[in-house]
């Protein structure tokens, strides 16, 4: 099977999401890639850390900023398994991430349901639906097991 780069990195984000699910966290994962190299990755840790801001995207952005030595991720792409919430979208915008690749939409809490304009950097692009089925299935399986 031939895999493009977006699928390759989204699979890594899915692996992060599975780690979160295994810990009882909502299974969302994120990976930051800069010039073909992973510089940050993360998964939800809100329950583990008792911190409502410990979302996968925030964890990955923080790791990438530490790796790169600065708060701006201007040459990076963020891969996230589920559409970012408004808080994470704001952080992505402040970090000036120029490209965001999203797996599944979040029709309840995703930024696109809450804002009319794109909260990211003005030149940022968004690619949606990369491995959406797998990303959505992971979330559905997690919540189904909790009911």
Protein backbone atom coordinates (compact mmCIF):
# COMPACT_ATOMS: atom_id res chain seq x y z
CA UNK A 1 0.00 0.00 0.00
CA UNK A 2 1.38 3.39 -1.00
CA UNK A 3 0.92 6.02 1.67
CA UNK A 4 1.27 9.75 1.14
CA UNK A 5 2.91 11.96 3.76
CA UNK A 6 -0.40 13.18 5.19
CA UNK A 7 -1.52 9.60 5.78
CA UNK A 8 1.87 8.66 7.22
CA UNK A 9 1.82 11.43 9.81
CA UNK A 10 -1.88 10.99 10.55
CA UNK A 11 -1.17 7.34 11.35
CA UNK A 12 1.36 8.55 13.91
CA UNK A 13 -1.29 10.89 15.34
CA UNK A 14 -3.67 7.90 15.50
CA UNK A 15 -1.04 5.99 17.47
CA UNK A 16 -0.94 8.89 19.93
CA UNK A 17 -4.74 8.84 20.10
CA UNK A 18 -4.67 5.14 20.95
CA UNK A 19 -2.26 5.87 23.82
CA UNK A 20 -4.77 8.34 25.19
CA UNK A 21 -7.62 5.84 24.84
CA UNK A 22 -5.58 3.16 26.61
CA UNK A 23 -5.20 5.59 29.51
CA UNK A 24 -8.93 6.29 29.66
CA UNK A 25 -8.50 9.67 28.01
CA UNK A 26 -10.57 10.82 25.02
CA UNK A 27 -8.57 9.31 22.13
CA UNK A 28 -7.23 12.32 20.27
CA UNK A 29 -3.65 12.52 19.07
CA UNK A 30 -1.53 15.17 17.42
CA UNK A 31 1.84 15.33 15.69
CA UNK A 32 3.86 18.38 14.60
CA UNK A 33 6.14 17.85 11.60
CA UNK A 34 8.77 20.32 10.45
CA UNK A 35 10.68 19.73 7.21
CA UNK A 36 9.85 16.03 7.29
CA UNK A 37 10.85 15.50 10.91
CA UNK A 38 8.55 14.97 13.89
CA UNK A 39 9.30 17.77 16.35
CA UNK A 40 6.38 17.28 18.70
CA UNK A 41 3.62 14.84 19.46
CA UNK A 42 0.99 14.47 22.08
CA UNK A 43 -2.30 12.98 23.15
CA UNK A 44 -5.04 14.04 25.51
CA UNK A 45 -3.95 14.12 29.15
CA UNK A 46 -6.80 16.09 30.70
CA UNK A 47 -7.83 13.33 33.13
CA UNK A 48 -4.29 12.24 33.93
CA UNK A 49 -3.09 15.76 34.69
CA UNK A 50 -6.41 17.10 35.99
CA UNK A 51 -5.96 19.95 33.52
CA UNK A 52 -8.69 20.98 31.08
CA UNK A 53 -6.06 22.54 28.81
CA UNK A 54 -4.02 19.33 28.40
CA UNK A 55 -5.40 18.58 24.93
CA UNK A 56 -3.40 16.64 22.35
CA UNK A 57 -2.76 19.72 20.20
CA UNK A 58 -1.47 21.75 23.16
CA UNK A 59 0.83 18.90 24.19
CA UNK A 60 2.20 18.59 20.65
CA UNK A 61 2.64 22.36 20.19
CA UNK A 62 4.45 22.65 23.53
CA UNK A 63 6.77 19.76 22.64
CA UNK A 64 7.48 21.24 19.20
CA UNK A 65 8.22 24.69 20.63
CA UNK A 66 10.66 23.13 23.10
CA UNK A 67 12.31 21.06 20.36
CA UNK A 68 12.65 24.01 18.00
CA UNK A 69 13.53 26.55 20.69
CA UNK A 70 10.79 29.06 19.95
CA UNK A 71 7.06 29.62 20.21
CA UNK A 72 6.38 30.07 16.50
CA UNK A 73 5.96 26.96 14.37
CA UNK A 74 6.00 28.79 11.04
CA UNK A 75 7.50 25.94 9.03
CA UNK A 76 5.49 23.12 10.58
CA UNK A 77 2.38 21.10 9.87
CA UNK A 78 0.08 19.96 12.66
CA UNK A 79 -1.70 16.63 12.21
CA UNK A 80 -4.62 16.02 14.56
CA UNK A 81 -7.06 13.13 14.56
CA UNK A 82 -10.13 15.22 15.41
CA UNK A 83 -11.00 18.81 14.55
CA UNK A 84 -9.52 21.14 17.16
CA UNK A 85 -11.71 22.83 19.73
CA UNK A 86 -11.79 26.61 19.90
CA UNK A 87 -9.08 26.71 22.60
CA UNK A 88 -6.71 24.58 20.55
CA UNK A 89 -7.51 26.47 17.36
CA UNK A 90 -6.50 29.65 19.16
CA UNK A 91 -3.21 28.09 20.29
CA UNK A 92 -2.56 26.86 16.74
CA UNK A 93 -3.17 30.38 15.48
CA UNK A 94 -0.89 31.97 18.08
CA UNK A 95 1.85 29.45 17.20
CA UNK A 96 1.44 30.54 13.56
CA UNK A 97 1.21 26.98 12.26
CA UNK A 98 0.86 27.37 8.48
CA UNK A 99 -0.80 24.03 7.76
CA UNK A 100 -3.28 22.00 9.77
CA UNK A 101 -4.33 18.49 8.74
CA UNK A 102 -7.46 17.15 10.41
CA UNK A 103 -8.80 13.61 10.51
CA UNK A 104 -12.44 13.59 11.65
CA UNK A 105 -14.74 16.55 12.19
CA UNK A 106 -16.06 17.36 15.66
CA UNK A 107 -19.64 18.43 15.12
CA UNK A 108 -20.23 19.18 18.82
CA UNK A 109 -17.13 21.06 19.97
CA UNK A 110 -14.99 21.68 16.90
CA UNK A 111 -13.91 25.24 16.20
CA UNK A 112 -15.84 25.33 12.91
CA UNK A 113 -19.16 24.99 14.74
CA UNK A 114 -18.37 27.93 16.99
CA UNK A 115 -16.71 30.55 14.79
CA UNK A 116 -17.62 32.08 11.48
CA UNK A 117 -14.02 32.83 10.52
CA UNK A 118 -10.91 30.71 10.57
CA UNK A 119 -9.08 31.22 13.89
CA UNK A 120 -5.70 30.21 12.46
CA UNK A 121 -2.97 32.39 11.01
CA UNK A 122 -4.33 34.27 7.97
CA UNK A 123 -2.11 32.32 5.55
CA UNK A 124 -2.70 28.93 7.15
CA UNK A 125 -4.35 26.19 5.13
CA UNK A 126 -6.52 23.39 6.45
CA UNK A 127 -6.71 19.93 4.92
CA UNK A 128 -9.64 17.91 6.23
CA UNK A 129 -10.69 14.28 6.11
CA UNK A 130 -7.29 12.53 6.14
CA UNK A 131 -8.04 9.01 7.43
CA UNK A 132 -11.34 10.41 8.70
CA UNK A 133 -12.97 6.98 8.94
CA UNK A 134 -10.25 5.57 11.19
CA UNK A 135 -10.15 8.71 13.31
CA UNK A 136 -13.91 8.74 13.76
CA UNK A 137 -14.09 5.00 14.46
CA UNK A 138 -11.57 5.35 17.28
CA UNK A 139 -13.67 8.08 18.91
CA UNK A 140 -16.94 6.18 18.44
CA UNK A 141 -15.45 2.98 19.87
CA UNK A 142 -14.15 4.88 22.90
CA UNK A 143 -17.50 6.49 23.71
CA UNK A 144 -19.47 3.31 22.94
CA UNK A 145 -17.35 1.43 25.49
CA UNK A 146 -18.19 4.08 28.12
CA UNK A 147 -21.97 3.79 27.77
